[in-house]
PDB file of N, CA and C in Angstrom:
ATOM      1  N   MET A   1      -4.451 -30.748 -59.240  1.00  0.00           N
ATOM      2  CA  MET A   1      -3.341 -30.197 -58.763  1.00  0.00           C
ATOM      3  C   MET A   1      -2.198 -30.378 -59.846  1.00  0.00           C
ATOM      4  N   PRO A   2      -1.423 -29.312 -60.120  1.00  0.00           N
ATOM      5  CA  PRO A   2      -0.457 -29.362 -61.218  1.00  0.00           C
ATOM      6  C   PRO A   2       0.709 -30.061 -60.846  1.00  0.00           C
ATOM      7  N   GLU A   3       1.290 -30.657 -62.058  1.00  0.00           N
ATOM      8  CA  GLU A   3       2.516 -31.445 -61.749  1.00  0.00           C
ATOM      9  C   GLU A   3       3.652 -30.587 -61.369  1.00  0.00           C
ATOM     10  N   PRO A   4       4.510 -31.115 -60.369  1.00  0.00           N
ATOM     11  CA  PRO A   4       5.645 -30.321 -59.862  1.00  0.00           C
ATOM     12  C   PRO A   4       6.621 -29.940 -60.984  1.00  0.00           C
ATOM     13  N   THR A   5       7.078 -28.854 -60.886  1.00  0.00           N
ATOM     14  CA  THR A   5       8.315 -28.525 -61.945  1.00  0.00           C
ATOM     15  C   THR A   5       9.538 -29.332 -61.679  1.00  0.00           C
ATOM     16  N   THR A   6      10.253 -29.445 -62.752  1.00  0.00           N
ATOM     17  CA  THR A   6      11.561 -30.138 -62.673  1.00  0.00           C
ATOM     18  C   THR A   6      12.535 -29.141 -62.287  1.00  0.00           C
ATOM     19  N   PRO A   7      13.440 -29.344 -61.310  1.00  0.00           N
ATOM     20  CA  PRO A   7      14.453 -28.530 -60.861  1.00  0.00           C
ATOM     21  C   PRO A   7      15.433 -28.112 -61.971  1.00  0.00           C
ATOM     22  N   SER A   8      15.928 -27.106 -62.102  1.00  0.00           N
ATOM     23  CA  SER A   8      16.863 -26.691 -63.192  1.00  0.00           C
ATOM     24  C   SER A   8      18.195 -27.272 -62.934  1.00  0.00           C
ATOM     25  N   THR A   9      18.569 -27.593 -61.653  1.00  0.00           N
ATOM     26  CA  THR A   9      19.826 -28.217 -61.185  1.00  0.00           C
ATOM     27  C   THR A   9      19.692 -29.616 -60.901  1.00  0.00           C
ATOM     28  N   PRO A  10      20.464 -30.457 -61.654  1.00  0.00           N
ATOM     29  CA  PRO A  10      20.371 -31.985 -61.454  1.00  0.00           C
ATOM     30  C   PRO A  10      20.639 -32.330 -59.938  1.00  0.00           C
ATOM     31  N   THR A  11      20.099 -33.316 -59.386  1.00  0.00           N
ATOM     32  CA  THR A  11      20.377 -33.747 -58.002  1.00  0.00           C
ATOM     33  C   THR A  11      21.777 -34.572 -58.041  1.00  0.00           C
ATOM     34  N   PRO A  12      22.379 -34.661 -56.899  1.00  0.00           N
ATOM     35  CA  PRO A  12      23.605 -35.377 -56.914  1.00  0.00           C
ATOM     36  C   PRO A  12      23.454 -36.868 -57.321  1.00  0.00           C
ATOM     37  N   SER A  13      22.333 -37.352 -57.110  1.00  0.00           N
ATOM     38  CA  SER A  13      22.103 -38.886 -57.494  1.00  0.00           C
ATOM     39  C   SER A  13      21.956 -38.927 -58.962  1.00  0.00           C
ATOM     40  N   LEU A  14      21.380 -37.982 -59.602  1.00  0.00           N
ATOM     41  CA  LEU A  14      21.285 -37.933 -61.070  1.00  0.00           C
ATOM     42  C   LEU A  14      22.690 -37.578 -61.685  1.00  0.00           C
ATOM     43  N   LEU A  15      23.405 -36.913 -61.160  1.00  0.00           N
ATOM     44  CA  LEU A  15      24.831 -36.627 -61.699  1.00  0.00           C
ATOM     45  C   LEU A  15      25.553 -37.868 -61.561  1.00  0.00           C
ATOM     46  N   ALA A  16      25.616 -38.546 -60.391  1.00  0.00           N
ATOM     47  CA  ALA A  16      26.243 -39.979 -60.227  1.00  0.00           C
ATOM     48  C   ALA A  16      25.780 -40.770 -61.222  1.00  0.00           C
ATOM     49  N   ALA A  17      24.435 -40.935 -61.553  1.00  0.00           N
ATOM     50  CA  ALA A  17      23.995 -41.880 -62.441  1.00  0.00           C
ATOM     51  C   ALA A  17      24.525 -41.704 -63.844  1.00  0.00           C
ATOM     52  N   GLU A  18      24.453 -40.356 -64.226  1.00  0.00           N
ATOM     53  CA  GLU A  18      25.102 -39.931 -65.639  1.00  0.00           C
ATOM     54  C   GLU A  18      26.576 -40.356 -65.651  1.00  0.00           C
ATOM     55  N   ARG A  19      27.305 -40.246 -64.618  1.00  0.00           N
ATOM     56  CA  ARG A  19      28.694 -40.538 -64.707  1.00  0.00           C
ATOM     57  C   ARG A  19      29.041 -41.971 -64.938  1.00  0.00           C
ATOM     58  N   ILE A  20      28.083 -42.865 -64.469  1.00  0.00           N
ATOM     59  CA  ILE A  20      28.345 -44.352 -64.580  1.00  0.00           C
ATOM     60  C   ILE A  20      27.538 -44.765 -65.711  1.00  0.00           C
ATOM     61  N   GLY A  21      26.907 -43.974 -66.556  1.00  0.00           N
ATOM     62  CA  GLY A  21      26.020 -44.330 -67.642  1.00  0.00           C
ATOM     63  C   GLY A  21      24.806 -45.150 -67.441  1.00  0.00           C
ATOM     64  N   ALA A  22      24.227 -44.806 -66.285  1.00  0.00           N
ATOM     65  CA  ALA A  22      23.038 -45.473 -65.760  1.00  0.00           C
ATOM     66  C   ALA A  22      21.803 -44.876 -66.534  1.00  0.00           C
ATOM     67  N   ALA A  23      20.758 -45.750 -66.679  1.00  0.00           N
ATOM     68  CA  ALA A  23      19.521 -45.256 -67.220  1.00  0.00           C
ATOM     69  C   ALA A  23      18.699 -44.469 -66.157  1.00  0.00           C
ATOM     70  N   ASP A  24      18.061 -43.379 -66.659  1.00  0.00           N
ATOM     71  CA  ASP A  24      17.188 -42.677 -65.783  1.00  0.00           C
ATOM     72  C   ASP A  24      15.841 -42.730 -66.353  1.00  0.00           C
ATOM     73  N   THR A  25      14.969 -43.076 -65.317  1.00  0.00           N
ATOM     74  CA  THR A  25      13.497 -43.423 -65.636  1.00  0.00           C
ATOM     75  C   THR A  25      12.693 -42.599 -64.654  1.00  0.00           C
ATOM     76  N   GLU A  26      11.834 -41.674 -65.217  1.00  0.00           N
ATOM     77  CA  GLU A  26      10.962 -40.926 -64.470  1.00  0.00           C
ATOM     78  C   GLU A  26       9.585 -41.344 -64.529  1.00  0.00           C
ATOM     79  N   ILE A  27       8.983 -41.539 -63.495  1.00  0.00           N
ATOM     80  CA  ILE A  27       7.391 -41.987 -63.560  1.00  0.00           C
ATOM     81  C   ILE A  27       6.628 -40.770 -62.905  1.00  0.00           C
ATOM     82  N   SER A  28       5.713 -40.255 -63.728  1.00  0.00           N
ATOM     83  CA  SER A  28       4.886 -39.224 -63.263  1.00  0.00           C
ATOM     84  C   SER A  28       3.922 -39.537 -62.204  1.00  0.00           C
ATOM     85  N   GLY A  29       3.474 -38.651 -61.361  1.00  0.00           N
ATOM     86  CA  GLY A  29       2.332 -39.010 -60.427  1.00  0.00           C
ATOM     87  C   GLY A  29       2.778 -39.893 -59.162  1.00  0.00           C
ATOM     88  N   GLY A  30       4.008 -40.012 -59.105  1.00  0.00           N
ATOM     89  CA  GLY A  30       4.555 -40.857 -58.021  1.00  0.00           C
ATOM     90  C   GLY A  30       4.736 -40.051 -56.736  1.00  0.00           C
ATOM     91  N   SER A  31       5.037 -40.660 -55.595  1.00  0.00           N
ATOM     92  CA  SER A  31       5.281 -39.971 -54.421  1.00  0.00           C
ATOM     93  C   SER A  31       6.687 -40.298 -53.957  1.00  0.00           C
ATOM     94  N   HIS A  32       7.134 -40.041 -52.747  1.00  0.00           N
ATOM     95  CA  HIS A  32       8.406 -40.305 -52.117  1.00  0.00           C
ATOM     96  C   HIS A  32       8.526 -41.788 -52.069  1.00  0.00           C
ATOM     97  N   ALA A  33       7.454 -42.554 -51.958  1.00  0.00           N
ATOM     98  CA  ALA A  33       7.326 -43.970 -51.856  1.00  0.00           C
ATOM     99  C   ALA A  33       6.851 -44.537 -53.113  1.00  0.00           C
ATOM    100  N   ILE A  34       7.708 -44.293 -54.201  1.00  0.00           N
ATOM    101  CA  ILE A  34       7.230 -44.540 -55.604  1.00  0.00           C
ATOM    102  C   ILE A  34       7.034 -46.137 -55.750  1.00  0.00           C
ATOM    103  N   VAL A  35       7.917 -46.808 -55.145  1.00  0.00           N
ATOM    104  CA  VAL A  35       7.839 -48.307 -55.153  1.00  0.00           C
ATOM    105  C   VAL A  35       6.505 -48.884 -54.602  1.00  0.00           C
ATOM    106  N   LEU A  36       5.723 -48.082 -53.676  1.00  0.00           N
ATOM    107  CA  LEU A  36       4.472 -48.530 -53.327  1.00  0.00           C
ATOM    108  C   LEU A  36       3.306 -47.780 -54.139  1.00  0.00           C
ATOM    109  N   SER A  37       3.459 -46.522 -54.372  1.00  0.00           N
ATOM    110  CA  SER A  37       2.524 -45.833 -55.132  1.00  0.00           C
ATOM    111  C   SER A  37       2.293 -46.254 -56.575  1.00  0.00           C
ATOM    112  N   ARG A  38       3.318 -46.601 -57.223  1.00  0.00           N
ATOM    113  CA  ARG A  38       3.389 -46.969 -58.681  1.00  0.00           C
ATOM    114  C   ARG A  38       4.098 -48.281 -58.847  1.00  0.00           C
ATOM    115  N   ALA A  39       3.698 -49.360 -58.116  1.00  0.00           N
ATOM    116  CA  ALA A  39       4.418 -50.448 -58.042  1.00  0.00           C
ATOM    117  C   ALA A  39       4.550 -51.196 -59.465  1.00  0.00           C
ATOM    118  N   ASP A  40       3.444 -51.208 -60.210  1.00  0.00           N
ATOM    119  CA  ASP A  40       3.516 -51.851 -61.415  1.00  0.00           C
ATOM    120  C   ASP A  40       4.517 -51.260 -62.479  1.00  0.00           C
ATOM    121  N   GLU A  41       4.505 -49.852 -62.474  1.00  0.00           N
ATOM    122  CA  GLU A  41       5.394 -49.155 -63.322  1.00  0.00           C
ATOM    123  C   GLU A  41       6.942 -49.449 -62.934  1.00  0.00           C
ATOM    124  N   VAL A  42       7.181 -49.512 -61.585  1.00  0.00           N
ATOM    125  CA  VAL A  42       8.595 -49.801 -61.153  1.00  0.00           C
ATOM    126  C   VAL A  42       8.874 -51.175 -61.622  1.00  0.00           C
ATOM    127  N   THR A  43       8.148 -52.133 -61.215  1.00  0.00           N
ATOM    128  CA  THR A  43       8.421 -53.477 -61.654  1.00  0.00           C
ATOM    129  C   THR A  43       8.612 -53.601 -63.012  1.00  0.00           C
ATOM    130  N   GLN A  44       8.053 -52.964 -63.948  1.00  0.00           N
ATOM    131  CA  GLN A  44       8.335 -52.912 -65.282  1.00  0.00           C
ATOM    132  C   GLN A  44       9.715 -52.460 -65.630  1.00  0.00           C
ATOM    133  N   VAL A  45      10.040 -51.412 -65.049  1.00  0.00           N
ATOM    134  CA  VAL A  45      11.461 -50.731 -65.234  1.00  0.00           C
ATOM    135  C   VAL A  45      12.420 -51.757 -64.662  1.00  0.00           C
ATOM    136  N   VAL A  46      12.303 -52.360 -63.593  1.00  0.00           N
ATOM    137  CA  VAL A  46      13.285 -53.266 -63.051  1.00  0.00           C
ATOM    138  C   VAL A  46      13.402 -54.495 -63.883  1.00  0.00           C
ATOM    139  N   VAL A  47      12.355 -55.073 -64.209  1.00  0.00           N
ATOM    140  CA  VAL A  47      12.339 -56.264 -65.191  1.00  0.00           C
ATOM    141  C   VAL A  47      12.979 -55.994 -66.496  1.00  0.00           C
ATOM    142  N   GLY A  48      12.695 -54.785 -67.076  1.00  0.00           N
ATOM    143  CA  GLY A  48      13.374 -54.465 -68.344  1.00  0.00           C
ATOM    144  C   GLY A  48      14.905 -54.315 -68.116  1.00  0.00           C
ATOM    145  N   ALA A  49      15.257 -53.793 -67.053  1.00  0.00           N
ATOM    146  CA  ALA A  49      16.623 -53.611 -66.807  1.00  0.00           C
ATOM    147  C   ALA A  49      17.387 -54.975 -66.669  1.00  0.00           C
ATOM    148  N   LEU A  50      16.791 -55.878 -65.969  1.00  0.00           N
ATOM    149  CA  LEU A  50      17.254 -57.186 -65.714  1.00  0.00           C
ATOM    150  C   LEU A  50      17.479 -57.926 -67.136  1.00  0.00           C
ATOM    151  N   ARG A  51      16.448 -57.690 -67.927  1.00  0.00           N
ATOM    152  CA  ARG A  51      16.515 -58.376 -69.365  1.00  0.00           C
ATOM    153  C   ARG A  51      17.526 -57.921 -70.251  1.00  0.00           C
ATOM    154  N   GLU A  52      17.843 -56.597 -70.058  1.00  0.00           N
ATOM    155  CA  GLU A  52      18.953 -55.986 -70.855  1.00  0.00           C
ATOM    156  C   GLU A  52      20.360 -56.368 -70.351  1.00  0.00           C
ATOM    157  N   ASN A  53      20.436 -56.280 -69.006  1.00  0.00           N
ATOM    158  CA  ASN A  53      21.792 -56.449 -68.448  1.00  0.00           C
ATOM    159  C   ASN A  53      21.859 -57.822 -67.559  1.00  0.00           C
ATOM    160  N   GLY A  54      20.891 -58.613 -67.540  1.00  0.00           N
ATOM    161  CA  GLY A  54      20.878 -59.799 -66.592  1.00  0.00           C
ATOM    162  C   GLY A  54      21.835 -60.773 -67.134  1.00  0.00           C
TER     163      GLY A  54
END
């Protein structure tokens, strides 16, 4: 199954994240329940953010 294409128009949440200078991390192969389907990768992102900003 091919990877879904990225929409050409950013979502409102991505625009809000840009406005506040938040980091944007994309994890391929995830589902709408990314915390469950790719838990290890999500954990690495969260722990990394805590180390940088904690």
